Amino acid sequence: MIDALVDTFYARVRDDRLIGPIFADRVADWAPHLTQMKLFWSSVALSTGVYQGRPMPKHLPLPIDARHFDRWLEIFVETARDLCPPVAARHFIERARRIAQSLELGIATAKGVMLAKDERFMRPAQAWTPD
């Protein structure tokens, strides 16, 4: 189930107009990334401990904010509901929400932004300048 969830989710992510380009700019070879994500979800969902990575440092330099996490979650929720029995989908979705929340908070903090309860991180918009 984890293999199908990860493979289908990232296929959908690659096609997404908002978050697809962020991945495309950073993932040249999808096979190793998908393998790592399967280990990650095995650890998160089943407490296997097979993933030993550190997700936060990999996400800190990304040009992402609340909008990107919302879209990531939207795709994840759709995928989990499409592929998993309801109990398993809820299990995956709850963990995905916690992960997104944690990463968003960590990125905000690293950027010097202290979020209040239920406040979201939005990257400052760059001023438009004519060419």
N, C-alpha and C. Protein backbone atom coordinates (compact mmCIF):
# COMPACT_ATOMS: atom_id res chain seq x y z
N MET A 1 0.83 -1.19 0.00
CA MET A 1 0.00 0.00 0.00
C MET A 1 0.87 1.26 0.00
N ILE A 2 1.96 1.23 0.77
CA ILE A 2 2.87 2.38 0.82
C ILE A 2 3.50 2.60 -0.55
N ASP A 3 3.92 1.53 -1.20
CA ASP A 3 4.51 1.68 -2.54
C ASP A 3 3.52 2.36 -3.49
N ALA A 4 2.29 1.89 -3.52
CA ALA A 4 1.28 2.46 -4.41
C ALA A 4 0.98 3.90 -4.05
N LEU A 5 0.88 4.19 -2.76
CA LEU A 5 0.59 5.55 -2.31
C LEU A 5 1.69 6.51 -2.74
N VAL A 6 2.93 6.15 -2.48
CA VAL A 6 4.07 7.02 -2.82
C VAL A 6 4.19 7.18 -4.33
N ASP A 7 4.13 6.08 -5.07
CA ASP A 7 4.26 6.17 -6.53
C ASP A 7 3.16 7.03 -7.16
N THR A 8 1.93 6.82 -6.74
CA THR A 8 0.80 7.56 -7.31
C THR A 8 0.84 9.02 -6.87
N PHE A 9 1.12 9.26 -5.61
CA PHE A 9 1.20 10.63 -5.10
C PHE A 9 2.23 11.44 -5.87
N TYR A 10 3.44 10.91 -6.01
CA TYR A 10 4.48 11.69 -6.68
C TYR A 10 4.25 11.80 -8.19
N ALA A 11 3.56 10.86 -8.78
CA ALA A 11 3.17 11.03 -10.19
C ALA A 11 2.23 12.23 -10.31
N ARG A 12 1.32 12.35 -9.38
CA ARG A 12 0.39 13.49 -9.38
C ARG A 12 1.12 14.79 -9.06
N VAL A 13 2.06 14.74 -8.14
CA VAL A 13 2.85 15.93 -7.78
C VAL A 13 3.61 16.44 -9.00
N ARG A 14 4.22 15.52 -9.74
CA ARG A 14 5.01 15.94 -10.91
C ARG A 14 4.15 16.66 -11.94
N ASP A 15 2.87 16.34 -12.00
CA ASP A 15 1.96 16.98 -12.95
C ASP A 15 1.32 18.26 -12.43
N ASP A 16 1.55 18.57 -11.16
CA ASP A 16 0.89 19.73 -10.55
C ASP A 16 1.58 21.03 -10.94
N ARG A 17 0.78 22.03 -11.29
CA ARG A 17 1.34 23.32 -11.74
C ARG A 17 2.00 24.12 -10.62
N LEU A 18 1.56 23.96 -9.39
CA LEU A 18 2.14 24.74 -8.29
C LEU A 18 3.39 24.06 -7.72
N ILE A 19 3.27 22.82 -7.31
CA ILE A 19 4.41 22.19 -6.64
C ILE A 19 5.27 21.32 -7.56
N GLY A 20 4.75 20.93 -8.70
CA GLY A 20 5.53 20.13 -9.64
C GLY A 20 6.86 20.77 -10.02
N PRO A 21 6.88 22.06 -10.36
CA PRO A 21 8.15 22.69 -10.74
C PRO A 21 9.19 22.71 -9.61
N ILE A 22 8.75 22.79 -8.38
CA ILE A 22 9.69 22.79 -7.25
C ILE A 22 10.41 21.45 -7.20
N PHE A 23 9.67 20.38 -7.37
CA PHE A 23 10.29 19.05 -7.40
C PHE A 23 11.15 18.89 -8.65
N ALA A 24 10.65 19.33 -9.79
CA ALA A 24 11.39 19.17 -11.05
C ALA A 24 12.75 19.86 -11.00
N ASP A 25 12.82 20.98 -10.30
CA ASP A 25 14.09 21.71 -10.18
C ASP A 25 15.10 20.99 -9.30
N ARG A 26 14.64 20.05 -8.48
CA ARG A 26 15.53 19.44 -7.49
C ARG A 26 15.70 17.94 -7.59
N VAL A 27 14.76 17.27 -8.22
CA VAL A 27 14.83 15.80 -8.32
C VAL A 27 15.11 15.43 -9.77
N ALA A 28 16.35 15.01 -10.02
CA ALA A 28 16.73 14.61 -11.36
C ALA A 28 16.42 13.14 -11.60
N ASP A 29 16.66 12.32 -10.59
CA ASP A 29 16.44 10.88 -10.70
C ASP A 29 15.38 10.50 -9.67
N TRP A 30 14.19 10.17 -10.14
CA TRP A 30 13.07 9.92 -9.24
C TRP A 30 13.18 8.61 -8.48
N ALA A 31 13.86 7.61 -9.03
CA ALA A 31 13.91 6.29 -8.37
C ALA A 31 14.48 6.38 -6.94
N PRO A 32 15.63 7.01 -6.73
CA PRO A 32 16.14 7.10 -5.35
C PRO A 32 15.23 7.92 -4.43
N HIS A 33 14.63 8.97 -4.99
CA HIS A 33 13.72 9.79 -4.18
C HIS A 33 12.52 8.97 -3.73
N LEU A 34 11.93 8.23 -4.65
CA LEU A 34 10.77 7.41 -4.32
C LEU A 34 11.14 6.32 -3.30
N THR A 35 12.30 5.74 -3.44
CA THR A 35 12.76 4.74 -2.47
C THR A 35 12.85 5.35 -1.08
N GLN A 36 13.44 6.55 -0.99
CA GLN A 36 13.54 7.23 0.31
C GLN A 36 12.17 7.56 0.87
N MET A 37 11.25 8.00 0.02
CA MET A 37 9.92 8.35 0.50
C MET A 37 9.15 7.12 0.98
N LYS A 38 9.39 5.99 0.36
CA LYS A 38 8.75 4.75 0.82
C LYS A 38 9.30 4.35 2.19
N LEU A 39 10.60 4.50 2.39
CA LEU A 39 11.19 4.24 3.70
C LEU A 39 10.64 5.23 4.73
N PHE A 40 10.54 6.50 4.33
CA PHE A 40 10.01 7.53 5.22
C PHE A 40 8.59 7.18 5.67
N TRP A 41 7.71 6.85 4.72
CA TRP A 41 6.33 6.55 5.07
C TRP A 41 6.20 5.24 5.83
N SER A 42 7.08 4.31 5.59
CA SER A 42 7.10 3.09 6.39
C SER A 42 7.41 3.43 7.85
N SER A 43 8.37 4.31 8.05
CA SER A 43 8.72 4.73 9.41
C SER A 43 7.60 5.53 10.06
N VAL A 44 7.01 6.44 9.30
CA VAL A 44 5.96 7.30 9.83
C VAL A 44 4.67 6.53 10.12
N ALA A 45 4.27 5.71 9.18
CA ALA A 45 2.97 5.05 9.29
C ALA A 45 3.02 3.75 10.10
N LEU A 46 4.14 3.07 10.01
CA LEU A 46 4.23 1.75 10.64
C LEU A 46 5.25 1.67 11.77
N SER A 47 5.93 2.80 12.05
CA SER A 47 6.96 2.86 13.10
C SER A 47 8.06 1.83 12.89
N THR A 48 8.47 1.62 11.62
CA THR A 48 9.49 0.63 11.33
C THR A 48 10.91 1.12 11.65
N GLY A 49 11.11 2.44 11.64
CA GLY A 49 12.43 2.98 11.90
C GLY A 49 13.41 2.80 10.76
N VAL A 50 12.94 2.46 9.56
CA VAL A 50 13.85 2.21 8.44
C VAL A 50 14.34 3.50 7.77
N TYR A 51 13.69 4.61 8.03
CA TYR A 51 14.14 5.89 7.47
C TYR A 51 15.00 6.60 8.49
N GLN A 52 16.19 6.98 8.08
CA GLN A 52 17.12 7.64 9.00
C GLN A 52 17.49 9.05 8.54
N GLY A 53 16.75 9.60 7.62
CA GLY A 53 17.06 10.91 7.07
C GLY A 53 16.62 12.05 7.97
N ARG A 54 16.92 13.26 7.52
CA ARG A 54 16.54 14.48 8.22
C ARG A 54 15.80 15.38 7.23
N PRO A 55 14.46 15.33 7.23
CA PRO A 55 13.69 16.08 6.24
C PRO A 55 13.82 17.60 6.35
N MET A 56 13.91 18.12 7.56
CA MET A 56 13.90 19.58 7.72
C MET A 56 15.01 20.27 6.94
N PRO A 57 16.27 19.88 7.06
CA PRO A 57 17.31 20.59 6.30
C PRO A 57 17.09 20.57 4.79
N LYS A 58 16.46 19.52 4.28
CA LYS A 58 16.21 19.44 2.84
C LYS A 58 15.11 20.41 2.41
N HIS A 59 14.21 20.75 3.32
CA HIS A 59 13.10 21.63 2.98
C HIS A 59 13.39 23.10 3.24
N LEU A 60 14.34 23.40 4.10
CA LEU A 60 14.61 24.80 4.47
C LEU A 60 14.94 25.70 3.28
N PRO A 61 15.75 25.27 2.32
CA PRO A 61 16.08 26.19 1.22
C PRO A 61 15.00 26.30 0.14
N LEU A 62 13.95 25.51 0.23
CA LEU A 62 12.93 25.51 -0.82
C LEU A 62 12.09 26.79 -0.79
N PRO A 63 11.68 27.28 -1.95
CA PRO A 63 10.84 28.48 -2.02
C PRO A 63 9.36 28.11 -1.80
N ILE A 64 9.04 27.68 -0.58
CA ILE A 64 7.70 27.19 -0.29
C ILE A 64 7.12 27.88 0.93
N ASP A 65 5.79 27.88 0.98
CA ASP A 65 5.08 28.45 2.13
C ASP A 65 3.75 27.72 2.29
N ALA A 66 2.83 28.32 3.00
CA ALA A 66 1.55 27.67 3.32
C ALA A 66 0.81 27.20 2.07
N ARG A 67 0.87 27.97 1.01
CA ARG A 67 0.17 27.58 -0.22
C ARG A 67 0.68 26.24 -0.76
N HIS A 68 1.98 26.06 -0.69
CA HIS A 68 2.59 24.82 -1.20
C HIS A 68 2.25 23.64 -0.30
N PHE A 69 2.26 23.86 1.01
CA PHE A 69 1.89 22.78 1.92
C PHE A 69 0.42 22.42 1.77
N ASP A 70 -0.42 23.41 1.56
CA ASP A 70 -1.85 23.13 1.34
C ASP A 70 -2.05 22.29 0.08
N ARG A 71 -1.34 22.63 -0.98
CA ARG A 71 -1.49 21.88 -2.22
C ARG A 71 -0.93 20.47 -2.06
N TRP A 72 0.22 20.34 -1.40
CA TRP A 72 0.82 19.03 -1.13
C TRP A 72 -0.18 18.16 -0.37
N LEU A 73 -0.80 18.75 0.66
CA LEU A 73 -1.78 17.99 1.44
C LEU A 73 -3.01 17.64 0.62
N GLU A 74 -3.46 18.56 -0.20
CA GLU A 74 -4.64 18.29 -1.03
C GLU A 74 -4.39 17.08 -1.94
N ILE A 75 -3.25 17.05 -2.58
CA ILE A 75 -2.91 15.93 -3.45
C ILE A 75 -2.75 14.65 -2.63
N PHE A 76 -2.11 14.77 -1.48
CA PHE A 76 -1.90 13.59 -0.65
C PHE A 76 -3.23 13.01 -0.17
N VAL A 77 -4.12 13.87 0.30
CA VAL A 77 -5.42 13.42 0.79
C VAL A 77 -6.19 12.71 -0.33
N GLU A 78 -6.23 13.31 -1.51
CA GLU A 78 -6.92 12.70 -2.65
C GLU A 78 -6.33 11.33 -2.96
N THR A 79 -5.01 11.25 -2.97
CA THR A 79 -4.34 10.00 -3.30
C THR A 79 -4.62 8.93 -2.25
N ALA A 80 -4.49 9.30 -0.98
CA ALA A 80 -4.74 8.34 0.10
C ALA A 80 -6.18 7.83 0.05
N ARG A 81 -7.11 8.73 -0.17
CA ARG A 81 -8.53 8.32 -0.23
C ARG A 81 -8.83 7.47 -1.46
N ASP A 82 -8.12 7.74 -2.56
CA ASP A 82 -8.32 6.94 -3.77
C ASP A 82 -7.77 5.52 -3.63
N LEU A 83 -6.67 5.36 -2.90
CA LEU A 83 -5.95 4.09 -2.90
C LEU A 83 -6.10 3.23 -1.64
N CYS A 84 -6.40 3.86 -0.54
CA CYS A 84 -6.35 3.14 0.74
C CYS A 84 -7.74 2.90 1.31
N PRO A 85 -7.88 1.82 2.07
CA PRO A 85 -9.13 1.66 2.82
C PRO A 85 -9.30 2.85 3.76
N PRO A 86 -10.52 3.20 4.12
CA PRO A 86 -10.75 4.41 4.92
C PRO A 86 -9.91 4.51 6.20
N VAL A 87 -9.77 3.44 6.93
CA VAL A 87 -8.98 3.50 8.18
C VAL A 87 -7.52 3.83 7.87
N ALA A 88 -6.96 3.20 6.86
CA ALA A 88 -5.57 3.45 6.48
C ALA A 88 -5.42 4.87 5.93
N ALA A 89 -6.37 5.31 5.12
CA ALA A 89 -6.31 6.67 4.57
C ALA A 89 -6.28 7.69 5.69
N ARG A 90 -7.15 7.53 6.67
CA ARG A 90 -7.17 8.47 7.80
C ARG A 90 -5.83 8.46 8.55
N HIS A 91 -5.26 7.29 8.71
CA HIS A 91 -3.97 7.14 9.38
C HIS A 91 -2.87 7.91 8.63
N PHE A 92 -2.79 7.69 7.33
CA PHE A 92 -1.79 8.39 6.51
C PHE A 92 -2.04 9.90 6.51
N ILE A 93 -3.28 10.29 6.34
CA ILE A 93 -3.63 11.72 6.24
C ILE A 93 -3.31 12.46 7.52
N GLU A 94 -3.62 11.88 8.65
CA GLU A 94 -3.30 12.53 9.93
C GLU A 94 -1.80 12.75 10.06
N ARG A 95 -1.03 11.79 9.70
CA ARG A 95 0.42 11.94 9.78
C ARG A 95 0.93 12.97 8.76
N ALA A 96 0.35 12.97 7.57
CA ALA A 96 0.75 13.95 6.56
C ALA A 96 0.47 15.37 7.04
N ARG A 97 -0.67 15.56 7.69
CA ARG A 97 -1.00 16.89 8.23
C ARG A 97 0.01 17.33 9.28
N ARG A 98 0.39 16.42 10.15
CA ARG A 98 1.39 16.75 11.18
C ARG A 98 2.75 17.08 10.55
N ILE A 99 3.13 16.31 9.55
CA ILE A 99 4.40 16.55 8.86
C ILE A 99 4.39 17.92 8.19
N ALA A 100 3.33 18.24 7.47
CA ALA A 100 3.23 19.54 6.80
C ALA A 100 3.29 20.68 7.81
N GLN A 101 2.56 20.52 8.90
CA GLN A 101 2.55 21.54 9.94
C GLN A 101 3.94 21.75 10.53
N SER A 102 4.62 20.66 10.82
CA SER A 102 5.95 20.72 11.40
C SER A 102 6.95 21.37 10.44
N LEU A 103 6.91 20.97 9.16
CA LEU A 103 7.83 21.55 8.19
C LEU A 103 7.55 23.03 7.98
N GLU A 104 6.28 23.39 7.89
CA GLU A 104 5.94 24.81 7.70
C GLU A 104 6.42 25.64 8.90
N LEU A 105 6.20 25.15 10.09
CA LEU A 105 6.66 25.85 11.29
C LEU A 105 8.18 25.96 11.32
N GLY A 106 8.87 24.88 10.96
CA GLY A 106 10.33 24.90 10.94
C GLY A 106 10.88 25.87 9.93
N ILE A 107 10.28 25.92 8.76
CA ILE A 107 10.72 26.85 7.73
C ILE A 107 10.48 28.29 8.17
N ALA A 108 9.32 28.56 8.72
CA ALA A 108 9.02 29.91 9.21
C ALA A 108 10.04 30.33 10.26
N THR A 109 10.30 29.46 11.21
CA THR A 109 11.24 29.77 12.29
C THR A 109 12.64 30.04 11.72
N ALA A 110 13.06 29.22 10.77
CA ALA A 110 14.38 29.41 10.15
C ALA A 110 14.47 30.74 9.41
N LYS A 111 13.33 31.24 8.94
CA LYS A 111 13.30 32.52 8.23
C LYS A 111 13.11 33.69 9.20
N GLY A 112 13.09 33.39 10.51
CA GLY A 112 12.95 34.44 11.51
C GLY A 112 11.51 34.86 11.76
N VAL A 113 10.56 34.02 11.36
CA VAL A 113 9.14 34.34 11.54
C VAL A 113 8.59 33.45 12.65
N MET A 114 8.08 34.08 13.68
CA MET A 114 7.46 33.34 14.78
C MET A 114 5.96 33.32 14.53
N LEU A 115 5.42 32.13 14.30
CA LEU A 115 4.00 32.00 14.00
C LEU A 115 3.20 31.84 15.29
N ALA A 116 2.09 32.54 15.36
CA ALA A 116 1.15 32.37 16.47
C ALA A 116 0.33 31.11 16.19
N LYS A 117 -0.41 30.66 17.19
CA LYS A 117 -1.25 29.47 17.01
C LYS A 117 -2.18 29.68 15.82
N ASP A 118 -2.23 28.71 14.95
CA ASP A 118 -3.06 28.71 13.74
C ASP A 118 -2.66 29.75 12.69
N GLU A 119 -1.54 30.44 12.89
CA GLU A 119 -1.04 31.37 11.88
C GLU A 119 -0.25 30.57 10.85
N ARG A 120 -0.26 31.02 9.62
CA ARG A 120 0.41 30.32 8.53
C ARG A 120 1.59 31.13 8.03
N PHE A 121 2.57 30.45 7.47
CA PHE A 121 3.76 31.10 6.93
C PHE A 121 3.57 31.42 5.46
N MET A 122 3.72 32.69 5.13
CA MET A 122 3.67 33.14 3.74
C MET A 122 5.00 33.84 3.45
N ARG A 123 5.64 33.40 2.39
CA ARG A 123 6.90 34.03 2.00
C ARG A 123 6.61 35.46 1.55
N PRO A 124 7.51 36.37 1.87
CA PRO A 124 7.32 37.74 1.39
C PRO A 124 7.33 37.78 -0.14
N ALA A 125 6.41 38.51 -0.70
CA ALA A 125 6.34 38.65 -2.16
C ALA A 125 7.47 39.55 -2.63
N GLN A 126 8.10 39.17 -3.73
CA GLN A 126 9.14 40.02 -4.30
C GLN A 126 8.48 41.16 -5.06
N ALA A 127 9.04 42.33 -4.91
CA ALA A 127 8.52 43.50 -5.61
C ALA A 127 8.71 43.33 -7.12
N TRP A 128 7.70 43.73 -7.86
CA TRP A 128 7.79 43.67 -9.32
C TRP A 128 8.65 44.81 -9.82
N THR A 129 9.54 44.49 -10.74
CA THR A 129 10.34 45.53 -11.37
C THR A 129 10.27 45.33 -12.88
N PRO A 130 10.16 46.40 -13.62
CA PRO A 130 10.11 46.25 -15.09
C PRO A 130 11.47 45.79 -15.60
N ASP A 131 11.45 45.03 -16.66
CA ASP A 131 12.72 44.56 -17.27
C ASP A 131 13.42 45.66 -18.00
